Amino acid sequence: MEKETKRTLLYDWHTEQGANMANFGGYEMPLWYPSGAKTEHLAVLTNAGMFDTSHMAMVTVTGPDAYDLLQHCFTKDLNACVGIKKKPLEPGKCVYGAYLTEKGEVIDDAIVYQAADENYLTIVNAGMGGEIAAHMGMHKGGRTTEITDLTDKVGKMDVQGPLAGKIMTKILAEPEKVFEKMPYFSFKGHFDSASPLADAVRLADGTPVLLSRTGYTGEFGFEIFVEPARFVKLWKMVSDTGKDFGLACCGLAARDSLRGGAVLPLSHQDVGHWPFINNPWPFTLPYNDDQTDFTKAFVGDEALRNVADPEFTYPFAGNDLRKVSADDPAIVLDADGKEIGSVLTCVTDMGIGRYKDRIYSISSPDKPEGFKPKGLCCGFIKVRTRLNFGDVVEIKDKRRKLKVRIAEDIRPDRTARRPVREMI
């Protein structure tokens, strides 16, 4: 029996604004609004954009053995994962990684937050809360820990872009206190008013929120978690405040194009049912300093050590805004015209362009005078042969064939890691 499509608490608001809606991960979600995906994409690069991300799921892991269970199930080494010095995860910090099967294949990518000793949250993708909770439950063994799936029990939205801090300053009760010592991949507060952390971040009207310096666009911004009863009010508060800052409401199309340009994967599309290795995200695995082995044991580690006939995932960037459809499916051809793999994702980042063989962003401080980005296609390919950055391959669907270049990075001068003090 086919599952009924869910609606987030903002469904009525989205439809009232004329959003183009579609099923994503079991939820009716906005693909774009009347202003269009291009306008939404560029708003995040120049001003700010807001995203309804309440379709994503939260799972809590608590108890004396919560850390040990996450160490076993999550790819990152929680004892060596924070900052350049790889310090242990601690309360107020979060880290990006993945949950794998015994075969080393991705169940889902995720962020793990440490709220307090013996108290962790993990944010996973739409429809994945139950599956990740079950996965951890299967590996729980004799550990003393409680796993709780909070799917649809927490409101979540993202505010992304260089002016996101200025917008949040207007709606927070004590912004100076909140933003003090808040580096990338840290968080403060809590969405549960009963939590001892709740007073750390409150909105001007007293609503407690968990405010996280993360997001999925590659740009400066925040993820905001709040109890469902106050979610619509929070959304409208941000929307109204953001009007003076050029804030745009953004759908899934802009999310995809922003992530592609930032070399960030789409779960179950760029990472999925193949070994999670030989890809642009080695930092999600617990490699030792010379990347010859892992620093801990985790679910799927042996499979990753013993991959036969490896495939390789690479980012690419094209020469103009034309793209191919990864749904055709699209294939990858080498210089001799031999098929060597498939296209996982192909989007158009409308904020970038090439000038004298270098990619510039609309946000690049050293962009050429008069530079106006026309957009470049970009995304990920999975191939059966090792390639080098700068290599040219062709991607081909039923309509067209395009030459693209394997890229180490795509959209330059991203703002995600900028210090808060520079952005407020």
Protein backbone atom coordinates (compact mmCIF):
# COMPACT_ATOMS: atom_id res chain seq x y z
CA MET A 1 0.00 0.00 0.00
CA GLU A 2 1.37 3.38 -1.02
CA LYS A 3 2.18 5.73 1.86
CA GLU A 4 0.15 8.92 2.13
CA THR A 5 2.15 12.03 1.28
CA LYS A 6 2.76 14.18 4.34
CA ARG A 7 2.58 17.95 4.58
CA THR A 8 4.74 20.18 6.73
CA LEU A 9 3.14 22.80 8.97
CA LEU A 10 3.92 25.38 6.27
CA TYR A 11 2.00 23.68 3.46
CA ASP A 12 -0.80 26.24 3.48
CA TRP A 13 1.69 29.12 3.53
CA HIS A 14 3.64 27.66 0.60
CA THR A 15 0.52 27.21 -1.52
CA GLU A 16 -0.79 30.67 -0.65
CA GLN A 17 2.50 32.08 -1.98
CA GLY A 18 2.03 30.19 -5.24
CA ALA A 19 4.82 27.67 -4.70
CA ASN A 20 5.26 24.86 -7.21
CA MET A 21 4.81 21.81 -4.97
CA ALA A 22 6.02 18.23 -5.45
CA ASN A 23 6.54 15.04 -3.48
CA PHE A 24 9.98 14.80 -1.91
CA GLY A 25 10.92 12.16 0.64
CA GLY A 26 7.24 11.52 1.35
CA TYR A 27 6.37 15.20 1.88
CA GLU A 28 4.73 17.80 -0.35
CA MET A 29 7.48 20.39 -0.59
CA PRO A 30 8.03 23.61 -2.58
CA LEU A 31 10.28 23.23 -5.62
CA TRP A 32 10.31 26.97 -6.23
CA TYR A 33 8.19 30.06 -5.74
CA PRO A 34 6.89 32.48 -8.43
CA SER A 35 10.16 34.44 -8.34
CA GLY A 36 11.90 31.35 -9.75
CA ALA A 37 14.78 29.10 -8.71
CA LYS A 38 17.41 31.41 -10.25
CA THR A 39 16.28 34.37 -8.15
CA GLU A 40 16.20 32.18 -5.03
CA HIS A 41 19.69 30.80 -5.70
CA LEU A 42 21.19 34.26 -6.23
CA ALA A 43 19.46 35.64 -3.13
CA VAL A 44 21.36 33.15 -0.96
CA LEU A 45 24.67 34.27 -2.50
CA THR A 46 24.03 38.00 -2.20
CA ASN A 47 21.45 38.51 0.58
CA ALA A 48 19.66 35.61 2.26
CA GLY A 49 17.21 32.80 1.66
CA MET A 50 14.90 30.84 3.95
CA PHE A 51 14.09 27.15 3.55
CA ASP A 52 11.39 24.97 5.08
CA THR A 53 13.45 21.98 6.26
CA SER A 54 10.94 20.54 8.71
CA HIS A 55 10.65 17.47 6.48
CA MET A 56 14.06 16.46 7.81
CA ALA A 57 14.08 14.17 10.84
CA MET A 58 15.68 14.21 14.29
CA VAL A 59 16.68 11.22 16.39
CA THR A 60 17.87 11.62 19.98
CA VAL A 61 20.41 9.24 21.54
CA THR A 62 20.72 9.52 25.31
CA GLY A 63 22.10 7.57 28.25
CA PRO A 64 25.46 6.38 29.60
CA ASP A 65 26.37 4.52 26.40
CA ALA A 66 25.05 7.03 23.85
CA TYR A 67 28.56 8.10 22.87
CA ASP A 68 29.70 4.50 22.43
CA LEU A 69 26.72 3.65 20.23
CA LEU A 70 27.29 6.67 17.98
CA GLN A 71 31.01 5.84 17.77
CA HIS A 72 30.00 2.42 16.48
CA CYS A 73 27.28 3.52 14.04
CA PHE A 74 28.46 6.94 12.79
CA THR A 75 31.45 7.35 10.47
CA LYS A 76 33.17 10.25 12.21
CA ASP A 77 35.49 9.59 15.13
CA LEU A 78 33.76 11.57 17.86
CA ASN A 79 36.97 11.53 19.86
CA ALA A 80 38.84 13.42 17.12
CA CYS A 81 36.53 15.46 14.92
CA VAL A 82 36.37 19.14 15.92
CA GLY A 83 38.46 21.71 14.08
CA ILE A 84 41.89 21.49 12.51
CA LYS A 85 43.33 19.97 15.69
CA LYS A 86 40.66 17.24 15.65
CA LYS A 87 39.52 17.68 19.21
CA PRO A 88 36.79 15.48 20.75
CA LEU A 89 33.14 16.38 20.22
CA GLU A 90 31.83 18.38 23.17
CA PRO A 91 28.55 20.01 24.21
CA GLY A 92 27.65 22.79 21.80
CA LYS A 93 29.51 21.27 18.84
CA CYS A 94 28.25 19.20 15.93
CA VAL A 95 29.83 17.18 13.14
CA TYR A 96 28.87 15.89 9.68
CA GLY A 97 29.21 12.25 8.65
CA ALA A 98 27.16 9.22 7.59
CA TYR A 99 25.51 6.01 8.73
CA LEU A 100 26.58 2.97 6.71
CA THR A 101 25.47 -0.61 6.25
CA GLU A 102 27.80 -3.55 6.89
CA LYS A 103 28.56 -3.37 3.14
CA GLY A 104 29.89 0.18 3.58
CA GLU A 105 26.96 1.69 1.67
CA VAL A 106 25.21 4.87 2.78
CA ILE A 107 21.94 4.62 4.66
CA ASP A 108 21.96 8.40 5.10
CA ASP A 109 24.30 11.31 5.67
CA ALA A 110 23.69 13.21 8.88
CA ILE A 111 24.85 15.70 11.48
CA VAL A 112 25.43 14.62 15.08
CA TYR A 113 25.01 17.27 17.81
CA GLN A 114 26.21 16.87 21.38
CA ALA A 115 23.73 18.72 23.58
CA ALA A 116 25.23 17.58 26.89
CA ASP A 117 27.05 14.63 28.42
CA GLU A 118 25.09 11.49 27.49
CA ASN A 119 22.75 13.56 25.30
CA TYR A 120 23.04 13.66 21.50
CA LEU A 121 20.83 14.65 18.58
CA THR A 122 21.28 13.49 15.02
CA ILE A 123 19.61 15.19 12.06
CA VAL A 124 18.87 12.98 9.05
CA ASN A 125 17.01 13.42 5.80
CA ALA A 126 13.29 13.28 5.01
CA GLY A 127 11.71 9.95 5.85
CA MET A 128 14.90 8.58 7.41
CA GLY A 129 14.22 9.07 11.13
CA GLY A 130 12.64 5.68 11.64
CA GLU A 131 15.25 3.90 9.55
CA ILE A 132 18.22 5.46 11.36
CA ALA A 133 16.61 4.82 14.75
CA ALA A 134 16.06 1.19 13.77
CA HIS A 135 19.63 0.90 12.49
CA MET A 136 21.04 2.11 15.80
CA GLY A 137 18.61 -0.09 17.68
CA MET A 138 19.85 -3.11 15.74
CA HIS A 139 23.44 -2.30 16.77
CA LYS A 140 22.61 -1.28 20.33
CA GLY A 141 23.53 -4.63 21.85
CA GLY A 142 23.81 -4.40 25.63
CA ARG A 143 24.46 -0.66 25.66
CA THR A 144 22.47 1.45 28.10
CA THR A 145 20.99 4.09 25.84
CA GLU A 146 17.61 5.35 24.65
CA ILE A 147 16.94 6.06 20.97
CA THR A 148 13.95 8.28 20.16
CA ASP A 149 12.66 9.14 16.70
CA LEU A 150 11.28 12.71 16.76
CA THR A 151 10.09 12.72 13.14
CA ASP A 152 7.43 15.46 12.68
CA LYS A 153 7.82 16.50 16.33
CA VAL A 154 10.27 19.37 15.78
CA GLY A 155 9.92 22.40 13.51
CA LYS A 156 13.03 23.23 11.48
CA MET A 157 13.98 25.98 9.04
CA ASP A 158 17.22 27.30 7.53
CA VAL A 159 18.25 30.92 6.99
CA GLN A 160 21.21 31.00 4.63
CA GLY A 161 23.25 33.77 3.04
CA PRO A 162 25.59 36.64 3.98
CA LEU A 163 22.78 38.68 5.59
CA ALA A 164 21.40 35.77 7.65
CA GLY A 165 23.16 37.06 10.79
CA LYS A 166 21.70 40.53 10.42
CA ILE A 167 18.21 39.05 10.12
CA MET A 168 18.68 36.84 13.17
CA THR A 169 19.98 39.81 15.16
CA LYS A 170 16.59 41.45 14.70
CA ILE A 171 14.55 38.52 16.04
CA LEU A 172 16.74 37.21 18.88
CA ALA A 173 16.31 38.40 22.47
CA GLU A 174 20.05 38.73 23.19
CA PRO A 175 21.92 38.48 19.88
CA GLU A 176 25.28 39.66 21.23
CA LYS A 177 25.23 36.92 23.85
CA VAL A 178 24.08 34.28 21.36
CA PHE A 179 26.67 35.08 18.70
CA GLU A 180 29.60 35.29 21.11
CA LYS A 181 31.95 32.37 20.47
CA MET A 182 29.78 30.69 17.85
CA PRO A 183 32.10 29.17 15.22
CA TYR A 184 31.09 27.07 12.25
CA PHE A 185 29.44 23.77 13.27
CA SER A 186 28.52 24.91 16.74
CA PHE A 187 25.09 25.47 18.24
CA LYS A 188 23.34 26.95 21.27
CA GLY A 189 19.98 26.68 22.97
CA HIS A 190 17.24 24.08 22.75
CA PHE A 191 13.76 23.84 21.26
CA ASP A 192 12.34 22.17 24.40
CA SER A 193 11.39 24.76 27.03
CA ALA A 194 11.98 22.14 29.73
CA SER A 195 15.64 21.74 28.75
CA PRO A 196 18.26 23.48 30.92
CA LEU A 197 19.74 24.73 27.63
CA ALA A 198 16.59 26.59 26.59
CA ASP A 199 17.57 29.95 28.08
CA ALA A 200 20.73 30.15 25.97
CA VAL A 201 18.78 31.22 22.87
CA ARG A 202 15.35 32.80 22.87
CA LEU A 203 13.52 34.82 20.29
CA ALA A 204 12.41 38.34 21.12
CA ASP A 205 8.99 36.96 22.12
CA GLY A 206 10.58 34.48 24.55
CA THR A 207 10.33 31.37 22.37
CA PRO A 208 13.25 28.98 22.99
CA VAL A 209 15.08 27.72 19.90
CA LEU A 210 18.09 25.62 19.10
CA LEU A 211 20.25 27.75 16.79
CA SER A 212 22.90 25.93 14.78
CA ARG A 213 25.65 27.44 12.63
CA THR A 214 25.19 24.85 9.94
CA GLY A 215 23.18 24.55 6.76
CA TYR A 216 23.22 22.91 3.40
CA THR A 217 24.05 25.65 0.91
CA GLY A 218 27.76 26.25 1.48
CA GLU A 219 26.96 29.81 2.55
CA PHE A 220 26.88 31.51 5.96
CA GLY A 221 23.73 30.82 7.89
CA PHE A 222 21.78 28.97 10.50
CA GLU A 223 19.46 26.06 11.09
CA ILE A 224 16.71 26.88 13.58
CA PHE A 225 14.81 24.23 15.56
CA VAL A 226 11.62 25.05 17.45
CA GLU A 227 8.65 23.18 18.88
CA PRO A 228 5.94 22.62 16.22
CA ALA A 229 3.32 24.84 17.89
CA ARG A 230 5.56 27.87 17.35
CA PHE A 231 6.99 26.98 13.96
CA VAL A 232 4.62 28.89 11.67
CA LYS A 233 4.98 31.99 13.84
CA LEU A 234 8.78 31.70 13.65
CA TRP A 235 8.66 31.34 9.87
CA LYS A 236 6.49 34.42 9.47
CA MET A 237 8.69 36.38 11.88
CA VAL A 238 11.79 35.61 9.80
CA SER A 239 9.93 36.31 6.55
CA ASP A 240 8.65 39.70 7.75
CA THR A 241 12.01 40.73 9.21
CA GLY A 242 13.88 39.60 6.14
CA LYS A 243 11.96 41.83 3.74
CA ASP A 244 14.30 44.72 4.51
CA PHE A 245 17.32 42.51 3.73
CA GLY A 246 16.28 41.07 0.37
CA LEU A 247 15.36 37.69 1.88
CA ALA A 248 13.85 35.16 -0.54
CA CYS A 249 11.80 32.06 0.23
CA CYS A 250 13.59 29.14 -1.40
CA GLY A 251 12.53 25.71 -2.60
CA LEU A 252 14.24 22.42 -3.32
CA ALA A 253 15.51 23.48 -6.76
CA ALA A 254 17.63 26.25 -5.25
CA ARG A 255 18.77 23.86 -2.52
CA ASP A 256 20.02 21.42 -5.17
CA SER A 257 21.83 24.04 -7.27
CA LEU A 258 23.42 25.66 -4.21
CA ARG A 259 24.63 22.31 -2.89
CA GLY A 260 26.01 21.29 -6.28
CA GLY A 261 28.06 24.48 -6.55
CA ALA A 262 29.31 23.98 -2.99
CA VAL A 263 30.42 20.36 -3.74
CA LEU A 264 27.93 18.99 -1.23
CA PRO A 265 26.10 15.71 -1.93
CA LEU A 266 22.39 15.03 -2.27
CA SER A 267 21.66 12.00 -0.12
CA HIS A 268 20.39 8.91 -1.97
CA GLN A 269 21.58 10.49 -5.19
CA ASP A 270 25.28 11.36 -4.87
CA VAL A 271 25.79 8.94 -1.98
CA GLY A 272 23.82 5.73 -1.77
CA HIS A 273 23.93 2.02 -2.48
CA TRP A 274 27.63 1.74 -3.24
CA PRO A 275 30.74 1.84 -1.03
CA PHE A 276 31.19 5.23 0.62
CA ILE A 277 34.77 5.76 -0.49
CA ASN A 278 36.77 7.36 -3.34
CA ASN A 279 34.61 10.48 -3.24
CA PRO A 280 35.03 14.23 -2.54
CA TRP A 281 34.12 13.81 1.15
CA PRO A 282 36.98 11.83 2.76
CA PHE A 283 36.69 14.10 5.82
CA THR A 284 33.52 12.20 6.77
CA LEU A 285 35.58 9.06 7.42
CA PRO A 286 37.87 8.60 10.45
CA TYR A 287 41.14 8.41 8.55
CA ASN A 288 44.47 8.57 10.35
CA ASP A 289 46.91 11.33 9.37
CA ASP A 290 48.36 9.53 6.34
CA GLN A 291 44.95 8.09 5.32
CA THR A 292 46.22 4.50 5.41
CA ASP A 293 43.63 3.28 7.92
CA PHE A 294 40.81 4.35 10.21
CA THR A 295 41.23 5.57 13.77
CA LYS A 296 38.27 3.57 15.05
CA ALA A 297 36.04 0.62 14.23
CA PHE A 298 32.57 1.42 12.86
CA VAL A 299 29.76 -0.25 10.96
CA GLY A 300 30.97 -0.79 7.39
CA ASP A 301 34.69 -0.21 8.00
CA GLU A 302 35.83 -3.66 6.87
CA ALA A 303 33.84 -3.38 3.65
CA LEU A 304 35.50 -0.03 2.87
CA ARG A 305 38.94 -1.53 3.48
CA ASN A 306 38.25 -4.33 1.00
CA VAL A 307 36.45 -2.73 -1.94
CA ALA A 308 36.85 -4.75 -5.14
CA ASP A 309 36.51 -3.02 -8.53
CA PRO A 310 36.27 0.46 -6.97
CA GLU A 311 34.26 3.29 -8.49
CA PHE A 312 35.13 6.96 -8.11
CA THR A 313 32.83 9.93 -7.51
CA TYR A 314 34.05 13.30 -8.80
CA PRO A 315 32.66 16.84 -8.93
CA PHE A 316 32.58 18.54 -12.32
CA ALA A 317 31.89 21.98 -13.77
CA GLY A 318 30.85 22.78 -17.32
CA ASN A 319 31.46 25.74 -19.61
CA ASP A 320 27.97 27.26 -19.68
CA LEU A 321 24.58 26.85 -18.04
CA ARG A 322 23.40 23.94 -20.20
CA LYS A 323 22.96 20.69 -18.31
CA VAL A 324 21.96 17.08 -18.87
CA SER A 325 19.23 15.15 -17.11
CA ALA A 326 20.54 12.62 -14.62
CA ASP A 327 17.14 10.94 -14.82
CA ASP A 328 17.53 9.86 -18.48
CA PRO A 329 19.96 8.37 -17.28
CA ALA A 330 22.98 10.38 -18.43
CA ILE A 331 26.33 8.69 -19.07
CA VAL A 332 29.97 9.75 -18.90
CA LEU A 333 32.36 9.31 -21.84
CA ASP A 334 36.14 9.54 -21.73
CA ALA A 335 38.35 11.31 -24.27
CA ASP A 336 38.11 8.28 -26.60
CA GLY A 337 34.33 8.20 -26.46
CA LYS A 338 34.23 5.13 -24.21
CA GLU A 339 31.45 4.95 -21.64
CA ILE A 340 33.04 4.99 -18.17
CA GLY A 341 30.20 5.78 -15.78
CA SER A 342 27.05 7.76 -15.04
CA VAL A 343 25.96 11.25 -14.00
CA LEU A 344 24.65 11.36 -10.44
CA THR A 345 23.60 15.01 -10.30
CA CYS A 346 23.66 17.83 -12.84
CA VAL A 347 22.43 21.28 -11.81
CA THR A 348 23.18 24.87 -12.82
CA ASP A 349 24.84 27.20 -10.33
CA MET A 350 23.58 30.56 -11.61
CA GLY A 351 26.01 32.53 -9.43
CA ILE A 352 29.21 31.52 -11.20
CA GLY A 353 30.90 31.86 -14.56
CA ARG A 354 34.24 31.31 -16.28
CA TYR A 355 36.63 34.10 -17.19
CA LYS A 356 39.97 33.21 -18.79
CA ASP A 357 39.50 29.61 -17.70
CA ARG A 358 38.95 30.48 -14.04
CA ILE A 359 35.63 30.22 -12.22
CA TYR A 360 34.45 33.33 -10.38
CA SER A 361 31.39 33.77 -8.20
CA ILE A 362 29.08 36.76 -8.04
CA SER A 363 30.46 37.02 -4.49
CA SER A 364 34.16 36.88 -5.45
CA PRO A 365 35.96 40.00 -4.18
CA ASP A 366 38.45 39.81 -7.08
CA LYS A 367 35.94 39.16 -9.87
CA PRO A 368 36.74 40.94 -13.15
CA GLU A 369 35.25 44.37 -13.68
CA GLY A 370 31.78 44.08 -15.17
CA PHE A 371 31.58 40.35 -14.38
CA LYS A 372 28.04 39.01 -14.71
CA PRO A 373 27.74 35.27 -14.11
CA LYS A 374 25.69 33.42 -16.70
CA GLY A 375 25.81 30.17 -14.77
CA LEU A 376 27.69 26.89 -15.13
CA CYS A 377 26.38 23.36 -14.97
CA CYS A 378 27.95 21.31 -12.20
CA GLY A 379 27.38 18.19 -10.18
CA PHE A 380 28.82 14.73 -9.65
CA ILE A 381 29.72 11.73 -11.75
CA LYS A 382 30.50 8.14 -10.71
CA VAL A 383 33.02 6.41 -12.97
CA ARG A 384 34.96 3.15 -13.16
CA THR A 385 38.32 4.76 -13.77
CA ARG A 386 40.45 7.13 -11.72
CA LEU A 387 40.52 10.71 -13.03
CA ASN A 388 42.51 13.83 -12.17
CA PHE A 389 41.38 17.36 -11.46
CA GLY A 390 41.35 19.24 -14.75
CA ASP A 391 40.54 16.19 -16.88
CA VAL A 392 37.86 16.77 -19.50
CA VAL A 393 35.07 14.23 -19.98
CA GLU A 394 31.74 14.31 -21.77
CA ILE A 395 28.35 13.88 -20.15
CA LYS A 396 25.52 12.75 -22.41
CA ASP A 397 21.77 12.29 -22.16
CA LYS A 398 19.12 11.79 -24.86
CA ARG A 399 19.20 15.46 -25.87
CA ARG A 400 22.79 16.64 -25.74
CA LYS A 401 26.43 15.97 -25.08
CA LEU A 402 28.54 18.41 -23.03
CA LYS A 403 32.23 18.69 -22.26
CA VAL A 404 32.87 19.22 -18.55
CA ARG A 405 35.96 19.41 -16.40
CA ILE A 406 36.71 17.43 -13.24
CA ALA A 407 36.91 20.06 -10.49
CA GLU A 408 38.44 20.06 -7.04
CA ASP A 409 36.11 22.90 -6.10
CA ILE A 410 33.34 24.75 -7.94
CA ARG A 411 31.80 27.92 -6.48
CA PRO A 412 34.62 30.00 -4.99
CA ASP A 413 34.48 32.44 -2.07
CA ARG A 414 31.72 30.68 -0.18
CA THR A 415 30.83 32.28 3.14
CA ALA A 416 29.88 29.32 5.38
CA ARG A 417 33.02 29.49 7.52
CA ARG A 418 33.18 33.27 7.88
CA PRO A 419 33.37 34.48 11.52
CA VAL A 420 30.04 35.62 12.93
CA ARG A 421 31.51 39.00 13.93
CA GLU A 422 32.11 39.78 10.24
CA MET A 423 28.53 38.89 9.28
CA ILE A 424 26.38 40.76 11.79
